Amino acid sequence: MVQVEHTQKETPHPGESRKERVDRELGELLQGLRVAVTGVQVLFAFLLTLPFAAGFNKVDALGHWLFFIALLSAAIASVCFITPAAQHRLLFRTGLKEKMLHRANGLGIAGAAGLAIAMTSSVALVAETVINAWPAAVFGGVVALSSAWLWFVQPIIDLYRTEDDDDEDVKS
C-alpha cells in the first residue's frame, strides 16, 4: 500500500479538541472517497459488461491484456475506496477512529493509483480497438501522465515546498 508520511502536523481549528479534529478529518476523507468511488464504480460496471458486447471478440491480444489490467485495477481501486466505510462500520465506537483515519488515507492513495491505472488502460483499450496501437500508447500515456502529475507528483511537491518553508521559518 502506498502511503506518504510527512512530519508536518495539521493544526486543529480554534477551540477544536483532538477528537473533534479526528472526526472532522474522517468526515472530510470519507466525503472525498465518495466522489472517487462513484467514478471507479461506473468504470468497473462498464468493464464488467464489455466482454458481453457484440464486438469484443474482435479485440486482439493486446486489447485483452489492456482489458484485464483495467478490470483488475478498477476492482482493486473499488476495494480500497470502499474499505474505509466498511471498517468504519466494524470499528464503530471502539476508540480506533484515528488508526482507521490513517489507514483510510493510505487506502485512498492506493485507490487513486488503481483508478489511474484503470483509466489509463481503459483509454488505451478503446484507442487500440478504434484507431491503432501507437495512438493507444499516446492517449494512454496522456491519461497516465495527467493523473500522475495532478494526483500524486504536484501534491508531493507542494508538501515538500511547505516543509522547506517551515524549515526556513525556524532558521530565521
C-alpha atoms as a PDB file:
ATOM      1  CA  MET A   1       0.000   0.000   0.000  1.00  0.00           C
ATOM      2  CA  VAL A   2       1.227   3.455  -0.893  1.00  0.00           C
ATOM      3  CA  GLN A   3       1.334   5.980   1.912  1.00  0.00           C
ATOM      4  CA  VAL A   4       3.000   9.347   2.061  1.00  0.00           C
ATOM      5  CA  GLU A   5       4.280  10.256   5.503  1.00  0.00           C
ATOM      6  CA  HIS A   6       5.292  13.746   6.434  1.00  0.00           C
ATOM      7  CA  THR A   7       6.326  15.459   9.619  1.00  0.00           C
ATOM      8  CA  GLN A   8       4.077  18.486   9.334  1.00  0.00           C
ATOM      9  CA  LYS A   9       1.006  18.128  11.535  1.00  0.00           C
ATOM     10  CA  GLU A  10      -2.260  19.811  10.802  1.00  0.00           C
ATOM     11  CA  THR A  11      -3.167  22.269  13.486  1.00  0.00           C
ATOM     12  CA  PRO A  12      -6.677  21.946  14.860  1.00  0.00           C
ATOM     13  CA  HIS A  13      -9.241  24.619  14.232  1.00  0.00           C
ATOM     14  CA  PRO A  14      -9.543  27.131  17.097  1.00  0.00           C
ATOM     15  CA  GLY A  15     -11.326  25.530  20.049  1.00  0.00           C
ATOM     16  CA  GLU A  16     -11.253  22.094  18.399  1.00  0.00           C
ATOM     17  CA  SER A  17     -10.386  19.096  20.568  1.00  0.00           C
ATOM     18  CA  ARG A  18      -8.308  16.162  19.299  1.00  0.00           C
ATOM     19  CA  LYS A  19     -11.476  14.051  18.994  1.00  0.00           C
ATOM     20  CA  GLU A  20     -13.256  16.801  17.070  1.00  0.00           C
ATOM     21  CA  ARG A  21     -10.267  17.125  14.734  1.00  0.00           C
ATOM     22  CA  VAL A  22     -10.197  13.366  14.059  1.00  0.00           C
ATOM     23  CA  ASP A  23     -13.972  13.371  13.486  1.00  0.00           C
ATOM     24  CA  ARG A  24     -13.659  16.295  11.061  1.00  0.00           C
ATOM     25  CA  GLU A  25     -10.722  14.752   9.210  1.00  0.00           C
ATOM     26  CA  LEU A  26     -12.512  11.416   8.891  1.00  0.00           C
ATOM     27  CA  GLY A  27     -15.626  13.151   7.545  1.00  0.00           C
ATOM     28  CA  GLU A  28     -13.523  15.065   5.009  1.00  0.00           C
ATOM     29  CA  LEU A  29     -11.737  11.887   3.924  1.00  0.00           C
ATOM     30  CA  LEU A  30     -14.939   9.885   3.559  1.00  0.00           C
ATOM     31  CA  GLN A  31     -16.509  12.707   1.535  1.00  0.00           C
ATOM     32  CA  GLY A  32     -13.538  12.676  -0.841  1.00  0.00           C
ATOM     33  CA  LEU A  33     -13.713   8.905  -1.172  1.00  0.00           C
ATOM     34  CA  ARG A  34     -17.438   9.113  -2.036  1.00  0.00           C
ATOM     35  CA  VAL A  35     -16.528  11.151  -5.110  1.00  0.00           C
ATOM     36  CA  ALA A  36     -13.827   8.715  -6.208  1.00  0.00           C
ATOM     37  CA  VAL A  37     -15.853   5.569  -5.551  1.00  0.00           C
ATOM     38  CA  THR A  38     -18.657   6.737  -7.848  1.00  0.00           C
ATOM     39  CA  GLY A  39     -16.262   7.191 -10.748  1.00  0.00           C
ATOM     40  CA  VAL A  40     -14.495   3.898 -10.258  1.00  0.00           C
ATOM     41  CA  GLN A  41     -17.788   2.016  -9.905  1.00  0.00           C
ATOM     42  CA  VAL A  42     -19.096   3.418 -13.207  1.00  0.00           C
ATOM     43  CA  LEU A  43     -15.852   2.414 -14.933  1.00  0.00           C
ATOM     44  CA  PHE A  44     -15.903  -1.007 -13.259  1.00  0.00           C
ATOM     45  CA  ALA A  45     -19.514  -1.623 -14.338  1.00  0.00           C
ATOM     46  CA  PHE A  46     -18.634  -0.690 -17.912  1.00  0.00           C
ATOM     47  CA  LEU A  47     -15.672  -3.065 -17.874  1.00  0.00           C
ATOM     48  CA  LEU A  48     -17.755  -5.902 -16.454  1.00  0.00           C
ATOM     49  CA  THR A  49     -20.197  -5.651 -19.375  1.00  0.00           C
ATOM     50  CA  LEU A  50     -17.583  -5.226 -22.096  1.00  0.00           C
ATOM     51  CA  PRO A  51     -16.832  -8.936 -22.775  1.00  0.00           C
ATOM     52  CA  PHE A  52     -20.528  -9.489 -23.451  1.00  0.00           C
ATOM     53  CA  ALA A  53     -20.689  -6.751 -26.090  1.00  0.00           C
ATOM     54  CA  ALA A  54     -21.074  -7.872 -29.694  1.00  0.00           C
ATOM     55  CA  GLY A  55     -17.692  -6.693 -30.995  1.00  0.00           C
ATOM     56  CA  PHE A  56     -15.481  -7.739 -28.079  1.00  0.00           C
ATOM     57  CA  ASN A  57     -14.422 -10.951 -29.855  1.00  0.00           C
ATOM     58  CA  LYS A  58     -12.672  -8.749 -32.449  1.00  0.00           C
ATOM     59  CA  VAL A  59     -10.334  -7.314 -29.804  1.00  0.00           C
ATOM     60  CA  ASP A  60      -6.763  -8.565 -30.255  1.00  0.00           C
ATOM     61  CA  ALA A  61      -4.400  -9.979 -27.611  1.00  0.00           C
ATOM     62  CA  LEU A  62      -3.098  -6.529 -26.610  1.00  0.00           C
ATOM     63  CA  GLY A  63      -6.690  -5.370 -26.146  1.00  0.00           C
ATOM     64  CA  HIS A  64      -7.450  -8.362 -23.939  1.00  0.00           C
ATOM     65  CA  TRP A  65      -4.442  -7.558 -21.742  1.00  0.00           C
ATOM     66  CA  LEU A  66      -5.467  -3.907 -21.520  1.00  0.00           C
ATOM     67  CA  PHE A  67      -8.980  -5.024 -20.581  1.00  0.00           C
ATOM     68  CA  PHE A  68      -7.777  -7.326 -17.788  1.00  0.00           C
ATOM     69  CA  ILE A  69      -5.374  -4.692 -16.431  1.00  0.00           C
ATOM     70  CA  ALA A  70      -8.209  -2.139 -16.407  1.00  0.00           C
ATOM     71  CA  LEU A  71     -10.657  -4.579 -14.826  1.00  0.00           C
ATOM     72  CA  LEU A  72      -8.253  -5.700 -12.091  1.00  0.00           C
ATOM     73  CA  SER A  73      -7.148  -2.126 -11.356  1.00  0.00           C
ATOM     74  CA  ALA A  74     -10.754  -0.918 -11.126  1.00  0.00           C
ATOM     75  CA  ALA A  75     -11.596  -3.803  -8.785  1.00  0.00           C
ATOM     76  CA  ILE A  76      -8.617  -3.014  -6.541  1.00  0.00           C
ATOM     77  CA  ALA A  77      -9.479   0.691  -6.562  1.00  0.00           C
ATOM     78  CA  SER A  78     -13.068  -0.164  -5.597  1.00  0.00           C
ATOM     79  CA  VAL A  79     -11.871  -2.307  -2.705  1.00  0.00           C
ATOM     80  CA  CYS A  80      -9.524   0.452  -1.497  1.00  0.00           C
ATOM     81  CA  PHE A  81     -12.183   3.172  -1.742  1.00  0.00           C
ATOM     82  CA  ILE A  82     -14.935   1.109  -0.083  1.00  0.00           C
ATOM     83  CA  THR A  83     -12.780  -0.328   2.732  1.00  0.00           C
ATOM     84  CA  PRO A  84     -12.854   2.796   4.969  1.00  0.00           C
ATOM     85  CA  ALA A  85     -16.663   2.804   5.047  1.00  0.00           C
ATOM     86  CA  ALA A  86     -16.801  -0.932   5.795  1.00  0.00           C
ATOM     87  CA  GLN A  87     -14.161  -0.640   8.506  1.00  0.00           C
ATOM     88  CA  HIS A  88     -15.920   2.376   9.981  1.00  0.00           C
ATOM     89  CA  ARG A  89     -18.993   0.192  10.500  1.00  0.00           C
ATOM     90  CA  LEU A  90     -16.956  -2.637  12.044  1.00  0.00           C
ATOM     91  CA  LEU A  91     -14.873  -0.366  14.274  1.00  0.00           C
ATOM     92  CA  PHE A  92     -17.746   1.896  15.342  1.00  0.00           C
ATOM     93  CA  ARG A  93     -17.266   3.083  18.945  1.00  0.00           C
ATOM     94  CA  THR A  94     -14.089   1.073  19.514  1.00  0.00           C
ATOM     95  CA  GLY A  95     -11.769   4.035  20.044  1.00  0.00           C
ATOM     96  CA  LEU A  96      -9.806   3.173  16.892  1.00  0.00           C
ATOM     97  CA  LYS A  97     -11.031   6.078  14.769  1.00  0.00           C
ATOM     98  CA  GLU A  98      -7.635   7.765  14.465  1.00  0.00           C
ATOM     99  CA  LYS A  99      -5.988   4.484  13.428  1.00  0.00           C
ATOM    100  CA  MET A 100      -8.754   3.977  10.886  1.00  0.00           C
ATOM    101  CA  LEU A 101      -8.256   7.533   9.604  1.00  0.00           C
ATOM    102  CA  HIS A 102      -4.566   6.930   8.894  1.00  0.00           C
ATOM    103  CA  ARG A 103      -5.329   3.567   7.272  1.00  0.00           C
ATOM    104  CA  ALA A 104      -8.102   5.130   5.154  1.00  0.00           C
ATOM    105  CA  ASN A 105      -5.711   7.818   3.955  1.00  0.00           C
ATOM    106  CA  GLY A 106      -3.287   5.176   2.682  1.00  0.00           C
ATOM    107  CA  LEU A 107      -6.130   3.229   1.091  1.00  0.00           C
ATOM    108  CA  GLY A 108      -7.329   6.397  -0.633  1.00  0.00           C
ATOM    109  CA  ILE A 109      -3.885   6.912  -2.147  1.00  0.00           C
ATOM    110  CA  ALA A 110      -3.694   3.253  -3.233  1.00  0.00           C
ATOM    111  CA  GLY A 111      -7.212   3.501  -4.670  1.00  0.00           C
ATOM    112  CA  ALA A 112      -6.267   6.599  -6.632  1.00  0.00           C
ATOM    113  CA  ALA A 113      -3.282   4.726  -8.085  1.00  0.00           C
ATOM    114  CA  GLY A 114      -5.544   1.818  -9.050  1.00  0.00           C
ATOM    115  CA  LEU A 115      -8.057   4.194 -10.610  1.00  0.00           C
ATOM    116  CA  ALA A 116      -5.298   5.924 -12.593  1.00  0.00           C
ATOM    117  CA  ILE A 117      -4.140   2.552 -13.951  1.00  0.00           C
ATOM    118  CA  ALA A 118      -7.725   1.519 -14.762  1.00  0.00           C
ATOM    119  CA  MET A 119      -8.425   4.783 -16.585  1.00  0.00           C
ATOM    120  CA  THR A 120      -5.138   4.603 -18.479  1.00  0.00           C
ATOM    121  CA  SER A 121      -5.758   1.000 -19.545  1.00  0.00           C
ATOM    122  CA  SER A 122      -9.381   1.707 -20.493  1.00  0.00           C
ATOM    123  CA  VAL A 123      -8.458   4.676 -22.674  1.00  0.00           C
ATOM    124  CA  ALA A 124      -5.652   2.682 -24.272  1.00  0.00           C
ATOM    125  CA  LEU A 125      -8.038  -0.234 -24.891  1.00  0.00           C
ATOM    126  CA  VAL A 126     -10.602   1.949 -26.623  1.00  0.00           C
ATOM    127  CA  ALA A 127      -7.944   3.771 -28.653  1.00  0.00           C
ATOM    128  CA  GLU A 128      -6.245   0.498 -29.618  1.00  0.00           C
ATOM    129  CA  THR A 129      -9.555  -1.007 -30.712  1.00  0.00           C
ATOM    130  CA  VAL A 130     -10.867   2.024 -32.588  1.00  0.00           C
ATOM    131  CA  ILE A 131      -7.693   3.586 -34.006  1.00  0.00           C
ATOM    132  CA  ASN A 132      -4.450   1.609 -33.715  1.00  0.00           C
ATOM    133  CA  ALA A 133      -1.745   0.507 -31.291  1.00  0.00           C
ATOM    134  CA  TRP A 134       0.564   3.554 -31.380  1.00  0.00           C
ATOM    135  CA  PRO A 135      -2.213   6.140 -30.747  1.00  0.00           C
ATOM    136  CA  ALA A 136      -3.357   3.913 -27.878  1.00  0.00           C
ATOM    137  CA  ALA A 137       0.054   4.352 -26.286  1.00  0.00           C
ATOM    138  CA  VAL A 138      -0.128   8.121 -26.788  1.00  0.00           C
ATOM    139  CA  PHE A 139      -3.650   8.521 -25.393  1.00  0.00           C
ATOM    140  CA  GLY A 140      -2.982   6.111 -22.542  1.00  0.00           C
ATOM    141  CA  GLY A 141       0.238   7.979 -21.801  1.00  0.00           C
ATOM    142  CA  VAL A 142      -1.598  11.307 -21.660  1.00  0.00           C
ATOM    143  CA  VAL A 143      -4.041   9.893 -19.088  1.00  0.00           C
ATOM    144  CA  ALA A 144      -1.221   8.266 -17.097  1.00  0.00           C
ATOM    145  CA  LEU A 145       0.920  11.402 -17.037  1.00  0.00           C
ATOM    146  CA  SER A 146      -2.021  13.681 -16.247  1.00  0.00           C
ATOM    147  CA  SER A 147      -3.220  11.592 -13.322  1.00  0.00           C
ATOM    148  CA  ALA A 148       0.333  11.016 -12.058  1.00  0.00           C
ATOM    149  CA  TRP A 149       1.105  14.744 -12.123  1.00  0.00           C
ATOM    150  CA  LEU A 150      -2.199  16.065 -10.778  1.00  0.00           C
ATOM    151  CA  TRP A 151      -2.965  13.344  -8.219  1.00  0.00           C
ATOM    152  CA  PHE A 152       0.497  12.493  -6.904  1.00  0.00           C
ATOM    153  CA  VAL A 153       3.523  14.499  -8.051  1.00  0.00           C
ATOM    154  CA  GLN A 154       2.098  18.015  -7.712  1.00  0.00           C
ATOM    155  CA  PRO A 155       0.736  17.455  -4.169  1.00  0.00           C
ATOM    156  CA  ILE A 156       4.004  15.820  -3.073  1.00  0.00           C
ATOM    157  CA  ILE A 157       5.970  18.785  -4.450  1.00  0.00           C
ATOM    158  CA  ASP A 158       3.641  21.143  -2.548  1.00  0.00           C
ATOM    159  CA  LEU A 159       4.157  19.081   0.601  1.00  0.00           C
ATOM    160  CA  TYR A 160       7.943  19.304   0.375  1.00  0.00           C
ATOM    161  CA  ARG A 161       7.858  23.008  -0.501  1.00  0.00           C
ATOM    162  CA  THR A 162       5.707  23.644   2.565  1.00  0.00           C
ATOM    163  CA  GLU A 163       8.127  21.679   4.750  1.00  0.00           C
ATOM    164  CA  ASP A 164      11.056  23.655   3.269  1.00  0.00           C
ATOM    165  CA  ASP A 165       9.229  26.922   4.009  1.00  0.00           C
ATOM    166  CA  ASP A 166       8.656  25.775   7.593  1.00  0.00           C
ATOM    167  CA  ASP A 167      12.375  24.914   7.910  1.00  0.00           C
ATOM    168  CA  GLU A 168      13.302  28.400   6.660  1.00  0.00           C
ATOM    169  CA  ASP A 169      10.954  29.999   9.198  1.00  0.00           C
ATOM    170  CA  VAL A 170      12.644  28.046  12.010  1.00  0.00           C
ATOM    171  CA  LYS A 171      16.136  29.120  10.853  1.00  0.00           C
ATOM    172  CA  SER A 172      15.315  32.831  10.711  1.00  0.00           C
END
